[in-house]
Amino acid sequence: MKKESKMFLKLSKISLFRRVREFVLVLAVLTVITLLYLPISKGYFQHDEIFGVTRNMSLKGTGLYNLIKIAFTPYISHFVPLHQLMVQVYISWFSFNYQYYTYASIVAHLLVVFLVYLLLSKLTKNKNYSLLGALLFGVNASGHQATSWPLADINTHGATIFGLASLIFLVSYINQESKRYYLLAMGCLFVSLLFKEITIGFFLFIPVMYFLYSKKKQNVKYVTGVAFASLFTYLLLRVSMIFAPRSHPLDQVVTQSQSYLEIAINLLTFPIKILVQTLIPPRQLLVISRFLTGILPWEFTGSIGTTQFDLFVENITLFVLEIVIFILICVFLFFAFKKNRNGIQTRVAFLGFAFVVINSFIYALSPYRSASIPVIDSRNLYLPTFGSIVMLISLVQMFFNKNSQKYSYLLLFLPLLIVNIFWLNKEVVNISDQGRIRKQILNKIKTGHPMIEDKTIFYTESDKAFYGLSEEDTIFPFQINFGFNLMTIYQTKKDYPYKLVDGKVFLRDITDQGYLEIDGKGFGYYRDLELLKKGLLENKLSKQNVIAYRYYSKTGEVIDITEEIRNKL
């Protein structure tokens, strides 16, 4: 009896030690990821994030019923009501405090990483490999935008969190055969789709996962039937929206921006591109492609530094390189199947491969894009990265399980970790640097003019054209119309009407100029002095309504030229 008690106590201590060790290692992984992403808190809203924050800011005080009504309004291209509501929650909590959005985004990413770890643990039955896979997912540079664009991609995090939860419940269903878990899996999937449609491929992947991973196949018909009935219900809901009134003037389906041939090409090539670009950061692939192109005769590629050369790199060399890597991956999978066709690692490796392929097609159907897409948008690589990690971990686990060197597999992962950390750091630092410049400019203007009239026009001059614009289109270093950014920083003071700041028409494009007045409140932005004069006359405004600034790109200096411009007017 004493011997049994001692044995039980010993086993309990071992179990406790393992749990503490697991907790410490998971915490270490999450800490490393946090430290890598933390510099984004020094950045500023990017791309169309500024539209979202300003538009939703104007809805404060609308009331819960109206907010739900707006969120669930039929939308053809992107029906994401839970994203709309979550953005409104963030706005009510954080207002224009960009740092808080980044903290929330990092926390959401850490939650995704933890779910990746849990799911990998269930699939691979190995804590060490699962921890390494979670770390690789967490520092993966390919999908950084899902976290580094903290407001725009609340939907990507939300969809991924509930998508992974759906798969965790599915594994529980496979292990315990309780229909309750399967219904929870389908429920989480529907919630995921209401954040973003990127998990629609799960309706096909879930039966595939059940078939590959489950040892008992008697419930395949039930799993497949419920999955496809749910898919039919969701598609019926989305198709019906085509017949609803358009809620957005730019709302469109993919066929309005791409030809059928372009759609077909993207559908065929996206699985190849996404699988490779989730394993190797696209910027690293471009570096390799540029080097390889430089070896080729310039008669074919064009001279280095020319547009022809860059197009050759992206559209030809990069794609050929991706095909070669994709074929090598397929060869590895073939040998894995040949070596151990009935092994759990083999099935999980194919599961990861299927995850990437099945969940690639939805991105080829994204509206607002045209022609062939050589480099997939970073945020669209976030979810598929999970499948690539599953495939990679399973293959490595299979080939290194019997290796005499216990941790020799780390030699394979170390280069991948170093490359991803290097490029992730570059992306994060770039975002931080750009954000710092933008905040300095906006703070300088708001400090110089803390309060503005209900009818104000801003005029700006710059000595440089940014983001590939023509030399005539000299702007401030902002990716979204600078006038709209100015309107945003005064939104809390002026409480501009929704139609003025919704970003649908007024000051939407980066080069737009003009003046718009709604309900007695007006805002204008011009870069052309003659257009400014015309705008003042048409809207019966005085030159005293004009505020003007000049930007010097070499020094980053912003000068108040209001009096100078008013004198010219």
Protein backbone atom coordinates (compact mmCIF):
# COMPACT_ATOMS: atom_id res chain seq x y z
CA MET A 1 0.00 0.00 0.00
CA LYS A 2 2.85 2.37 0.88
CA LYS A 3 4.58 1.47 -2.37
CA GLU A 4 1.41 2.31 -4.35
CA SER A 5 1.07 5.63 -2.49
CA LYS A 6 4.66 6.54 -3.25
CA MET A 7 4.19 5.64 -6.91
CA PHE A 8 1.01 7.75 -7.10
CA LEU A 9 2.78 10.67 -5.42
CA LYS A 10 5.72 10.35 -7.81
CA LEU A 11 3.41 10.30 -10.85
CA SER A 12 1.54 13.32 -9.48
CA LYS A 13 4.78 15.26 -9.12
CA ILE A 14 5.81 14.34 -12.67
CA SER A 15 2.40 15.40 -13.98
CA LEU A 16 2.56 18.69 -12.05
CA PHE A 17 6.09 19.34 -13.33
CA ARG A 18 4.98 18.75 -16.91
CA ARG A 19 2.04 21.10 -16.53
CA VAL A 20 4.20 23.83 -15.01
CA ARG A 21 6.81 23.32 -17.76
CA GLU A 22 4.10 23.53 -20.44
CA PHE A 23 2.67 26.70 -18.88
CA VAL A 24 6.11 28.35 -18.70
CA LEU A 25 6.97 27.44 -22.30
CA VAL A 26 3.60 28.66 -23.64
CA LEU A 27 4.03 31.90 -21.68
CA ALA A 28 7.54 32.31 -23.11
CA VAL A 29 6.26 31.85 -26.66
CA LEU A 30 3.47 34.40 -26.14
CA THR A 31 5.95 36.85 -24.59
CA VAL A 32 8.33 36.60 -27.58
CA ILE A 33 5.44 37.22 -29.99
CA THR A 34 4.22 40.19 -27.92
CA LEU A 35 7.66 41.81 -27.90
CA LEU A 36 7.96 41.42 -31.68
CA TYR A 37 4.59 43.06 -32.34
CA LEU A 38 4.66 45.70 -29.60
CA PRO A 39 6.34 48.42 -31.78
CA ILE A 40 3.15 48.69 -33.89
CA SER A 41 1.68 50.63 -30.95
CA LYS A 42 3.86 53.55 -32.07
CA GLY A 43 2.25 53.54 -35.53
CA TYR A 44 -0.94 55.09 -36.87
CA PHE A 45 -4.10 54.01 -38.72
CA GLN A 46 -3.25 52.54 -42.13
CA HIS A 47 -5.03 52.40 -45.47
CA ASP A 48 -8.83 52.34 -45.09
CA GLU A 49 -8.70 51.87 -41.30
CA ILE A 50 -9.15 55.62 -41.05
CA PHE A 51 -12.46 55.34 -42.97
CA GLY A 52 -13.67 52.76 -40.49
CA VAL A 53 -12.76 54.67 -37.34
CA THR A 54 -14.23 57.97 -38.60
CA ARG A 55 -17.39 56.41 -40.01
CA ASN A 56 -18.09 54.47 -36.83
CA MET A 57 -17.20 57.46 -34.67
CA SER A 58 -20.07 59.35 -36.27
CA LEU A 59 -22.46 56.54 -35.26
CA LYS A 60 -21.85 56.99 -31.53
CA GLY A 61 -25.14 57.62 -29.79
CA THR A 62 -27.14 55.99 -32.60
CA GLY A 63 -28.59 53.39 -30.26
CA LEU A 64 -28.12 49.62 -30.10
CA TYR A 65 -31.11 48.78 -32.30
CA ASN A 66 -29.95 51.05 -35.13
CA LEU A 67 -26.36 49.79 -34.84
CA ILE A 68 -27.56 46.19 -35.21
CA LYS A 69 -29.80 47.22 -38.10
CA ILE A 70 -26.87 48.91 -39.89
CA ALA A 71 -24.55 45.96 -39.21
CA PHE A 72 -26.99 43.37 -40.59
CA THR A 73 -27.95 45.39 -43.68
CA PRO A 74 -27.55 43.09 -46.74
CA TYR A 75 -24.19 43.51 -48.45
CA ILE A 76 -23.10 41.65 -51.59
CA SER A 77 -19.31 41.66 -51.42
CA HIS A 78 -18.68 41.42 -47.66
CA PHE A 79 -21.47 40.60 -45.21
CA VAL A 80 -19.62 40.94 -41.88
CA PRO A 81 -22.13 42.17 -39.26
CA LEU A 82 -20.19 40.94 -36.19
CA HIS A 83 -17.12 42.80 -37.44
CA GLN A 84 -19.19 45.97 -37.75
CA LEU A 85 -20.51 45.59 -34.20
CA MET A 86 -17.08 44.76 -32.76
CA VAL A 87 -15.59 47.85 -34.42
CA GLN A 88 -18.31 49.92 -32.77
CA VAL A 89 -17.44 48.36 -29.39
CA TYR A 90 -13.77 49.23 -29.92
CA ILE A 91 -14.68 52.78 -30.94
CA SER A 92 -16.75 53.26 -27.78
CA TRP A 93 -13.83 51.98 -25.67
CA PHE A 94 -10.81 53.48 -27.41
CA SER A 95 -12.07 56.48 -29.44
CA PHE A 96 -9.01 57.71 -31.47
CA ASN A 97 -6.39 56.21 -29.14
CA TYR A 98 -4.53 54.11 -31.70
CA GLN A 99 -2.32 52.43 -29.08
CA TYR A 100 -5.30 50.72 -27.46
CA TYR A 101 -6.37 49.23 -30.78
CA THR A 102 -2.90 47.75 -31.24
CA TYR A 103 -2.94 46.24 -27.73
CA ALA A 104 -6.33 44.64 -28.44
CA SER A 105 -5.02 43.35 -31.78
CA ILE A 106 -1.94 41.78 -30.19
CA VAL A 107 -4.11 40.11 -27.52
CA ALA A 108 -6.38 38.71 -30.26
CA HIS A 109 -3.32 37.38 -32.11
CA LEU A 110 -2.05 35.74 -28.91
CA LEU A 111 -5.45 34.08 -28.48
CA VAL A 112 -5.20 32.73 -32.03
CA VAL A 113 -1.68 31.43 -31.30
CA PHE A 114 -2.94 29.68 -28.16
CA LEU A 115 -5.77 28.05 -30.13
CA VAL A 116 -3.23 26.96 -32.74
CA TYR A 117 -1.24 25.33 -29.93
CA LEU A 118 -4.32 23.55 -28.54
CA LEU A 119 -5.39 22.28 -31.96
CA LEU A 120 -1.87 21.16 -32.89
CA SER A 121 -1.63 19.32 -29.55
CA LYS A 122 -4.83 17.43 -30.35
CA LEU A 123 -3.72 16.62 -33.91
CA THR A 124 -0.04 15.73 -33.38
CA LYS A 125 -0.25 14.37 -29.81
CA ASN A 126 3.12 16.05 -29.17
CA LYS A 127 3.50 19.14 -26.97
CA ASN A 128 7.00 20.07 -28.19
CA TYR A 129 6.08 20.07 -31.86
CA SER A 130 2.83 21.88 -31.09
CA LEU A 131 4.67 24.58 -29.17
CA LEU A 132 7.14 25.03 -32.01
CA GLY A 133 4.29 25.21 -34.53
CA ALA A 134 2.49 27.83 -32.44
CA LEU A 135 5.68 29.89 -32.23
CA LEU A 136 6.20 29.66 -35.99
CA PHE A 137 2.60 30.74 -36.58
CA GLY A 138 2.92 33.59 -34.10
CA VAL A 139 6.05 35.10 -35.70
CA ASN A 140 5.02 34.30 -39.27
CA ALA A 141 5.75 37.43 -41.31
CA SER A 142 3.50 36.47 -44.22
CA GLY A 143 0.23 37.23 -42.43
CA HIS A 144 1.39 40.12 -40.25
CA GLN A 145 -1.29 42.52 -41.53
CA ALA A 146 -3.96 40.62 -39.59
CA THR A 147 -2.35 42.02 -36.44
CA SER A 148 -0.45 45.09 -37.64
CA TRP A 149 -3.65 46.58 -39.14
CA PRO A 150 -5.44 46.59 -35.78
CA LEU A 151 -8.81 48.07 -36.78
CA ALA A 152 -9.26 46.89 -40.38
CA ASP A 153 -8.59 43.25 -39.52
CA ILE A 154 -10.65 42.74 -36.40
CA ASN A 155 -12.67 40.58 -38.80
CA THR A 156 -9.69 38.35 -39.68
CA HIS A 157 -8.92 37.70 -36.02
CA GLY A 158 -12.58 37.10 -35.18
CA ALA A 159 -13.11 34.70 -38.09
CA THR A 160 -9.89 32.82 -37.29
CA ILE A 161 -10.62 32.51 -33.56
CA PHE A 162 -14.07 31.00 -34.10
CA GLY A 163 -12.85 28.98 -37.09
CA LEU A 164 -10.14 27.31 -34.99
CA ALA A 165 -12.64 26.81 -32.14
CA SER A 166 -14.87 25.05 -34.66
CA LEU A 167 -12.06 22.60 -35.53
CA ILE A 168 -11.25 22.01 -31.84
CA PHE A 169 -14.89 21.03 -31.24
CA LEU A 170 -14.75 18.82 -34.34
CA VAL A 171 -11.74 16.93 -32.94
CA SER A 172 -13.64 16.52 -29.65
CA TYR A 173 -16.57 15.12 -31.66
CA ILE A 174 -14.24 12.69 -33.47
CA ASN A 175 -12.75 11.49 -30.18
CA GLN A 176 -15.97 11.28 -28.17
CA GLU A 177 -18.68 10.98 -30.88
CA SER A 178 -21.00 13.37 -29.04
CA LYS A 179 -23.26 15.25 -31.47
CA ARG A 180 -23.21 18.18 -29.06
CA TYR A 181 -19.60 18.86 -30.03
CA TYR A 182 -20.42 18.73 -33.74
CA LEU A 183 -23.27 21.19 -33.33
CA LEU A 184 -20.92 23.48 -31.38
CA ALA A 185 -18.41 23.17 -34.23
CA MET A 186 -21.02 24.26 -36.80
CA GLY A 187 -22.23 27.05 -34.51
CA CYS A 188 -18.70 28.45 -34.16
CA LEU A 189 -18.30 28.23 -37.93
CA PHE A 190 -21.41 30.36 -38.51
CA VAL A 191 -20.17 32.93 -35.98
CA SER A 192 -16.81 32.94 -37.79
CA LEU A 193 -18.52 33.67 -41.13
CA LEU A 194 -20.33 36.64 -39.61
CA PHE A 195 -16.91 38.14 -38.83
CA LYS A 196 -15.49 37.42 -42.30
CA GLU A 197 -16.24 34.91 -45.05
CA ILE A 198 -12.72 33.47 -45.12
CA THR A 199 -13.82 30.23 -43.37
CA ILE A 200 -16.49 29.29 -45.91
CA GLY A 201 -14.15 26.53 -47.11
CA PHE A 202 -14.60 24.84 -43.71
CA PHE A 203 -17.92 23.40 -44.93
CA LEU A 204 -15.86 21.23 -47.29
CA PHE A 205 -12.82 20.88 -45.02
CA ILE A 206 -14.79 19.51 -42.04
CA PRO A 207 -15.90 16.33 -43.90
CA VAL A 208 -12.35 15.97 -45.29
CA MET A 209 -10.91 16.33 -41.78
CA TYR A 210 -13.36 13.79 -40.38
CA PHE A 211 -12.51 11.29 -43.13
CA LEU A 212 -8.73 11.71 -42.80
CA TYR A 213 -8.46 11.99 -39.02
CA SER A 214 -11.21 9.75 -37.68
CA LYS A 215 -10.48 6.05 -37.26
CA LYS A 216 -14.20 5.24 -37.33
CA LYS A 217 -15.94 6.21 -40.54
CA GLN A 218 -19.56 5.30 -39.70
CA ASN A 219 -20.64 8.94 -39.20
CA VAL A 220 -19.25 10.31 -42.48
CA LYS A 221 -22.73 10.67 -43.98
CA TYR A 222 -24.00 12.59 -40.95
CA VAL A 223 -20.98 14.92 -40.84
CA THR A 224 -21.08 15.54 -44.59
CA GLY A 225 -24.85 15.99 -44.68
CA VAL A 226 -24.94 18.57 -41.89
CA ALA A 227 -21.93 20.44 -43.35
CA PHE A 228 -23.42 20.71 -46.83
CA ALA A 229 -26.91 21.56 -45.53
CA SER A 230 -25.31 24.38 -43.52
CA LEU A 231 -23.35 25.53 -46.58
CA PHE A 232 -26.55 25.57 -48.66
CA THR A 233 -28.29 27.67 -45.99
CA TYR A 234 -25.44 30.17 -45.87
CA LEU A 235 -25.16 30.44 -49.67
CA LEU A 236 -28.93 30.94 -49.92
CA LEU A 237 -28.64 33.82 -47.46
CA ARG A 238 -25.79 35.44 -49.41
CA VAL A 239 -27.31 34.98 -52.86
CA SER A 240 -30.58 36.53 -51.68
CA MET A 241 -28.65 39.71 -50.87
CA ILE A 242 -28.04 40.27 -54.59
CA PHE A 243 -31.72 41.20 -54.90
CA ALA A 244 -31.65 43.60 -51.95
CA PRO A 245 -31.10 47.36 -52.48
CA ARG A 246 -27.42 48.37 -52.64
CA SER A 247 -26.31 49.82 -49.29
CA HIS A 248 -22.97 51.02 -50.64
CA PRO A 249 -22.35 52.67 -54.04
CA LEU A 250 -19.13 50.67 -54.49
CA ASP A 251 -20.61 47.30 -53.44
CA GLN A 252 -19.90 44.77 -56.18
CA VAL A 253 -19.33 41.11 -56.97
CA VAL A 254 -16.01 39.74 -58.24
CA THR A 255 -17.16 39.54 -61.89
CA GLN A 256 -17.44 43.34 -61.99
CA SER A 257 -13.70 43.79 -61.38
CA GLN A 258 -12.26 40.63 -62.98
CA SER A 259 -12.93 38.73 -66.20
CA TYR A 260 -13.91 35.05 -66.04
CA LEU A 261 -10.49 34.12 -67.39
CA GLU A 262 -8.75 36.09 -64.61
CA ILE A 263 -10.97 34.44 -62.01
CA ALA A 264 -10.16 30.99 -63.42
CA ILE A 265 -6.40 31.70 -63.42
CA ASN A 266 -6.49 32.94 -59.83
CA LEU A 267 -8.55 29.93 -58.70
CA LEU A 268 -5.95 27.59 -60.23
CA THR A 269 -2.85 29.41 -59.01
CA PHE A 270 -3.87 30.67 -55.56
CA PRO A 271 -3.36 27.29 -53.80
CA ILE A 272 0.22 27.19 -55.13
CA LYS A 273 0.96 30.81 -54.25
CA ILE A 274 -0.66 30.71 -50.82
CA LEU A 275 0.99 27.45 -49.74
CA VAL A 276 4.45 28.72 -50.65
CA GLN A 277 3.93 32.29 -49.41
CA THR A 278 2.72 31.10 -46.01
CA LEU A 279 5.88 29.01 -45.54
CA ILE A 280 8.35 31.59 -46.90
CA PRO A 281 7.65 35.33 -46.46
CA PRO A 282 6.75 36.94 -49.82
CA ARG A 283 9.45 39.59 -49.43
CA GLN A 284 12.04 36.83 -49.04
CA LEU A 285 10.66 35.12 -52.16
CA LEU A 286 10.92 38.41 -54.05
CA VAL A 287 14.55 38.81 -52.96
CA ILE A 288 15.35 35.34 -54.32
CA SER A 289 13.32 36.00 -57.50
CA ARG A 290 15.11 39.30 -58.10
CA PHE A 291 18.49 37.59 -57.73
CA LEU A 292 17.51 34.78 -60.14
CA THR A 293 16.11 37.27 -62.66
CA GLY A 294 19.38 39.24 -62.54
CA ILE A 295 21.22 36.15 -63.80
CA LEU A 296 19.02 35.90 -66.90
CA PRO A 297 19.77 37.82 -70.15
CA TRP A 298 18.49 41.40 -69.90
CA GLU A 299 16.95 41.09 -73.40
CA PHE A 300 14.26 38.91 -71.82
CA THR A 301 13.94 40.52 -68.41
CA GLY A 302 14.64 44.18 -69.10
CA SER A 303 17.32 46.20 -67.36
CA ILE A 304 17.57 46.09 -63.57
CA GLY A 305 15.67 49.00 -62.04
CA THR A 306 13.13 49.28 -64.86
CA THR A 307 9.40 48.56 -64.63
CA GLN A 308 9.83 45.74 -67.17
CA PHE A 309 12.36 44.02 -64.89
CA ASP A 310 10.12 44.34 -61.83
CA LEU A 311 7.13 42.91 -63.73
CA PHE A 312 9.27 39.99 -64.91
CA VAL A 313 10.33 39.33 -61.30
CA GLU A 314 6.76 39.32 -59.95
CA ASN A 315 4.82 37.72 -62.80
CA ILE A 316 7.30 35.15 -64.14
CA THR A 317 10.30 34.38 -61.92
CA LEU A 318 8.33 34.46 -58.68
CA PHE A 319 5.61 32.17 -60.01
CA VAL A 320 8.13 29.69 -61.48
CA LEU A 321 9.94 29.62 -58.12
CA GLU A 322 6.63 28.98 -56.34
CA ILE A 323 5.79 26.12 -58.71
CA VAL A 324 9.19 24.50 -58.05
CA ILE A 325 8.72 24.77 -54.26
CA PHE A 326 5.14 23.51 -54.54
CA ILE A 327 6.30 20.45 -56.52
CA LEU A 328 8.98 19.73 -53.90
CA ILE A 329 6.32 19.85 -51.18
CA CYS A 330 4.15 17.43 -53.17
CA VAL A 331 7.14 15.10 -53.56
CA PHE A 332 7.70 15.15 -49.79
CA LEU A 333 4.02 14.34 -49.25
CA PHE A 334 4.27 11.46 -51.72
CA PHE A 335 7.26 9.93 -49.95
CA ALA A 336 5.55 10.47 -46.61
CA PHE A 337 2.51 8.58 -47.86
CA LYS A 338 4.72 5.84 -49.31
CA LYS A 339 6.69 5.50 -46.07
CA ASN A 340 3.74 5.39 -43.68
CA ARG A 341 0.41 5.54 -45.47
CA ASN A 342 -1.64 4.58 -42.42
CA GLY A 343 0.26 6.63 -39.85
CA ILE A 344 -1.41 9.49 -38.00
CA GLN A 345 1.33 11.97 -39.02
CA THR A 346 0.77 11.17 -42.69
CA ARG A 347 -2.95 11.82 -42.40
CA VAL A 348 -2.39 15.06 -40.48
CA ALA A 349 0.18 16.23 -43.08
CA PHE A 350 -2.38 15.73 -45.85
CA LEU A 351 -4.93 17.43 -43.63
CA GLY A 352 -2.73 20.55 -43.44
CA PHE A 353 -2.20 20.49 -47.21
CA ALA A 354 -5.95 20.18 -47.80
CA PHE A 355 -6.61 23.05 -45.37
CA VAL A 356 -4.45 25.43 -47.41
CA VAL A 357 -5.86 24.37 -50.78
CA ILE A 358 -9.53 24.43 -49.74
CA ASN A 359 -9.22 27.77 -47.93
CA SER A 360 -7.33 29.41 -50.81
CA PHE A 361 -10.20 29.64 -53.28
CA ILE A 362 -12.23 32.23 -51.37
CA TYR A 363 -9.43 34.81 -51.75
CA ALA A 364 -9.49 34.41 -55.54
CA LEU A 365 -13.11 35.56 -55.43
CA SER A 366 -12.42 38.79 -53.55
CA PRO A 367 -13.97 41.84 -55.29
CA TYR A 368 -12.21 45.13 -56.08
CA ARG A 369 -9.12 43.38 -57.49
CA SER A 370 -8.25 42.98 -61.17
CA ALA A 371 -5.89 40.86 -63.29
CA SER A 372 -3.53 38.20 -61.98
CA ILE A 373 -2.31 38.67 -58.39
CA PRO A 374 1.37 37.66 -57.92
CA VAL A 375 1.69 38.48 -54.21
CA ILE A 376 -1.27 37.61 -52.00
CA ASP A 377 -2.38 40.31 -49.55
CA SER A 378 -0.73 39.67 -46.20
CA ARG A 379 -3.98 39.53 -44.24
CA ASN A 380 -5.27 36.83 -46.62
CA LEU A 381 -2.32 34.59 -45.71
CA TYR A 382 -3.15 34.60 -41.98
CA LEU A 383 -5.71 31.77 -41.81
CA PRO A 384 -4.08 29.49 -44.45
CA THR A 385 -0.80 29.70 -42.52
CA PHE A 386 -2.34 27.34 -39.96
CA GLY A 387 -2.64 24.61 -42.60
CA SER A 388 0.95 25.09 -43.75
CA ILE A 389 2.15 24.82 -40.14
CA VAL A 390 0.14 21.62 -39.60
CA MET A 391 1.60 20.09 -42.75
CA LEU A 392 5.16 21.11 -41.90
CA ILE A 393 5.00 19.96 -38.27
CA SER A 394 3.54 16.57 -39.26
CA LEU A 395 6.16 15.92 -41.94
CA VAL A 396 9.01 16.85 -39.61
CA GLN A 397 7.53 14.80 -36.80
CA MET A 398 7.29 11.79 -39.10
CA PHE A 399 10.86 11.96 -40.42
CA PHE A 400 12.54 12.88 -37.12
CA ASN A 401 10.62 10.69 -34.67
CA LYS A 402 13.14 7.86 -34.90
CA ASN A 403 16.17 10.11 -35.16
CA SER A 404 18.81 9.36 -32.54
CA GLN A 405 19.33 13.09 -31.96
CA LYS A 406 16.30 14.07 -29.89
CA TYR A 407 16.12 17.74 -30.90
CA SER A 408 17.71 17.57 -34.35
CA TYR A 409 14.46 18.76 -35.92
CA LEU A 410 15.20 22.21 -34.50
CA LEU A 411 17.92 22.60 -37.15
CA LEU A 412 15.15 22.67 -39.78
CA PHE A 413 12.94 25.13 -37.91
CA LEU A 414 15.69 27.53 -36.88
CA PRO A 415 16.21 29.03 -40.40
CA LEU A 416 12.42 29.41 -40.82
CA LEU A 417 12.14 31.16 -37.47
CA ILE A 418 15.09 33.49 -38.21
CA VAL A 419 13.76 34.44 -41.68
CA ASN A 420 10.25 35.12 -40.36
CA ILE A 421 11.44 37.10 -37.34
CA PHE A 422 13.72 39.16 -39.60
CA TRP A 423 10.95 40.12 -42.04
CA LEU A 424 8.32 40.55 -39.33
CA ASN A 425 10.62 42.97 -37.53
CA LYS A 426 11.17 44.94 -40.78
CA GLU A 427 7.43 45.18 -41.38
CA VAL A 428 6.70 46.26 -37.81
CA VAL A 429 9.52 48.84 -37.76
CA ASN A 430 8.32 50.24 -41.11
CA ILE A 431 4.78 50.61 -39.76
CA SER A 432 6.12 52.28 -36.63
CA ASP A 433 8.29 54.75 -38.60
CA GLN A 434 5.48 55.70 -41.00
CA GLY A 435 3.05 56.10 -38.11
CA ARG A 436 5.43 58.31 -36.18
CA ILE A 437 5.78 60.68 -39.16
CA ARG A 438 2.01 60.82 -39.70
CA LYS A 439 1.22 61.47 -36.05
CA GLN A 440 3.80 64.26 -35.93
CA ILE A 441 2.20 65.95 -38.95
CA LEU A 442 -1.36 65.66 -37.60
CA ASN A 443 -0.33 66.75 -34.10
CA LYS A 444 1.47 69.79 -35.53
CA ILE A 445 -1.66 70.87 -37.42
CA LYS A 446 -4.05 70.20 -34.55
CA THR A 447 -1.78 72.03 -32.11
CA GLY A 448 -1.60 75.03 -34.47
CA HIS A 449 -5.39 75.00 -34.98
CA PRO A 450 -6.98 73.21 -32.02
CA MET A 451 -10.44 74.48 -32.97
CA ILE A 452 -11.79 75.04 -36.48
CA GLU A 453 -14.95 76.64 -37.86
CA ASP A 454 -18.04 74.59 -38.72
CA LYS A 455 -17.16 75.34 -42.35
CA THR A 456 -13.43 74.89 -42.90
CA ILE A 457 -11.26 74.24 -45.94
CA PHE A 458 -7.72 72.90 -45.68
CA TYR A 459 -5.18 73.62 -48.40
CA THR A 460 -1.81 71.80 -48.56
CA GLU A 461 1.36 71.93 -50.62
CA SER A 462 4.07 69.26 -50.78
CA ASP A 463 7.34 68.91 -52.68
CA LYS A 464 6.89 65.20 -53.41
CA ALA A 465 4.49 62.65 -54.84
CA PHE A 466 4.24 59.48 -52.72
CA TYR A 467 3.00 55.93 -53.37
CA GLY A 468 3.65 55.87 -57.10
CA LEU A 469 1.52 58.91 -57.98
CA SER A 470 2.44 61.14 -60.89
CA GLU A 471 4.80 64.06 -60.26
CA GLU A 472 1.88 66.50 -60.47
CA ASP A 473 0.05 64.79 -57.60
CA THR A 474 2.20 66.03 -54.75
CA ILE A 475 0.70 64.90 -51.46
CA PHE A 476 1.54 64.45 -47.78
CA PRO A 477 2.91 60.96 -46.85
CA PHE A 478 -0.49 59.36 -46.16
CA GLN A 479 -1.92 56.32 -47.98
CA ILE A 480 -5.47 57.63 -47.57
CA ASN A 481 -6.57 61.07 -48.71
CA PHE A 482 -4.87 63.57 -46.39
CA GLY A 483 -7.98 65.73 -46.27
CA PHE A 484 -9.95 62.79 -44.89
CA ASN A 485 -7.26 62.27 -42.25
CA LEU A 486 -7.60 65.92 -41.25
CA MET A 487 -11.37 65.61 -41.00
CA THR A 488 -10.85 62.57 -38.78
CA ILE A 489 -8.74 64.33 -36.15
CA TYR A 490 -11.43 67.01 -35.75
CA GLN A 491 -14.33 64.52 -35.69
CA THR A 492 -14.56 64.38 -31.89
CA LYS A 493 -14.72 68.20 -31.72
CA LYS A 494 -17.06 68.88 -34.64
CA ASP A 495 -19.25 65.75 -34.59
CA TYR A 496 -19.52 65.65 -38.40
CA PRO A 497 -22.65 63.94 -39.86
CA TYR A 498 -22.33 60.31 -41.00
CA LYS A 499 -22.84 61.15 -44.69
CA LEU A 500 -19.91 63.55 -44.57
CA VAL A 501 -17.41 61.08 -43.10
CA ASP A 502 -18.65 57.68 -44.33
CA GLY A 503 -15.81 57.48 -46.88
CA LYS A 504 -18.08 56.27 -49.68
CA VAL A 505 -17.79 59.28 -51.98
CA PHE A 506 -16.26 62.38 -50.41
CA LEU A 507 -12.43 62.40 -50.32
CA ARG A 508 -12.34 58.64 -50.88
CA ASP A 509 -9.48 58.49 -53.41
CA ILE A 510 -6.01 59.62 -52.40
CA THR A 511 -5.99 62.49 -54.94
CA ASP A 512 -9.56 63.72 -54.39
CA GLN A 513 -10.21 67.41 -53.71
CA GLY A 514 -13.43 69.23 -52.92
CA TYR A 515 -15.85 70.66 -50.40
CA LEU A 516 -19.00 69.08 -48.96
CA GLU A 517 -21.55 70.54 -46.57
CA ILE A 518 -24.28 68.63 -44.73
CA ASP A 519 -26.65 69.94 -42.05
CA GLY A 520 -24.75 73.20 -41.68
CA LYS A 521 -21.34 71.53 -41.21
CA GLY A 522 -18.85 71.57 -44.05
CA PHE A 523 -15.32 70.41 -44.73
CA GLY A 524 -13.04 70.92 -47.70
CA TYR A 525 -9.60 69.88 -48.87
CA TYR A 526 -7.59 71.19 -51.83
CA ARG A 527 -4.06 70.94 -53.23
CA ASP A 528 -4.74 73.02 -56.35
CA LEU A 529 -4.93 76.78 -55.66
CA GLU A 530 -7.22 77.47 -58.63
CA LEU A 531 -9.64 74.73 -57.52
CA LEU A 532 -9.56 76.23 -54.04
CA LYS A 533 -10.56 79.66 -55.41
CA LYS A 534 -13.36 78.05 -57.38
CA GLY A 535 -14.54 76.12 -54.32
CA LEU A 536 -14.69 79.28 -52.21
CA LEU A 537 -16.80 81.05 -54.81
CA GLU A 538 -19.21 78.16 -55.42
CA ASN A 539 -19.82 77.61 -51.72
CA LYS A 540 -19.85 81.31 -50.81
CA LEU A 541 -17.06 80.97 -48.27
CA SER A 542 -14.49 83.51 -47.13
CA LYS A 543 -10.72 83.15 -47.31
CA GLN A 544 -10.86 83.24 -43.50
CA ASN A 545 -12.30 79.72 -43.69
CA VAL A 546 -9.00 78.49 -45.20
CA ILE A 547 -6.17 76.84 -43.24
CA ALA A 548 -2.99 75.98 -45.16
CA TYR A 549 0.17 73.92 -44.57
CA ARG A 550 3.28 73.02 -46.58
CA TYR A 551 5.32 69.77 -46.23
CA TYR A 552 9.05 69.40 -46.94
CA SER A 553 9.83 65.73 -47.56
CA LYS A 554 13.62 65.96 -47.04
CA THR A 555 13.37 67.38 -43.54
CA GLY A 556 9.87 66.17 -42.61
CA GLU A 557 9.04 69.76 -41.65
CA VAL A 558 5.43 71.02 -41.68
CA ILE A 559 4.97 74.79 -42.02
CA ASP A 560 1.81 76.81 -41.38
CA ILE A 561 1.31 78.94 -44.53
CA THR A 562 -2.25 80.04 -43.76
CA GLU A 563 -1.58 83.79 -43.94
CA GLU A 564 0.50 83.39 -47.12
CA ILE A 565 -2.31 81.55 -48.91
CA ARG A 566 -5.03 83.87 -47.61
CA ASN A 567 -3.07 86.81 -49.04
CA LYS A 568 -2.92 85.06 -52.42
CA LEU A 569 -6.68 84.55 -52.32
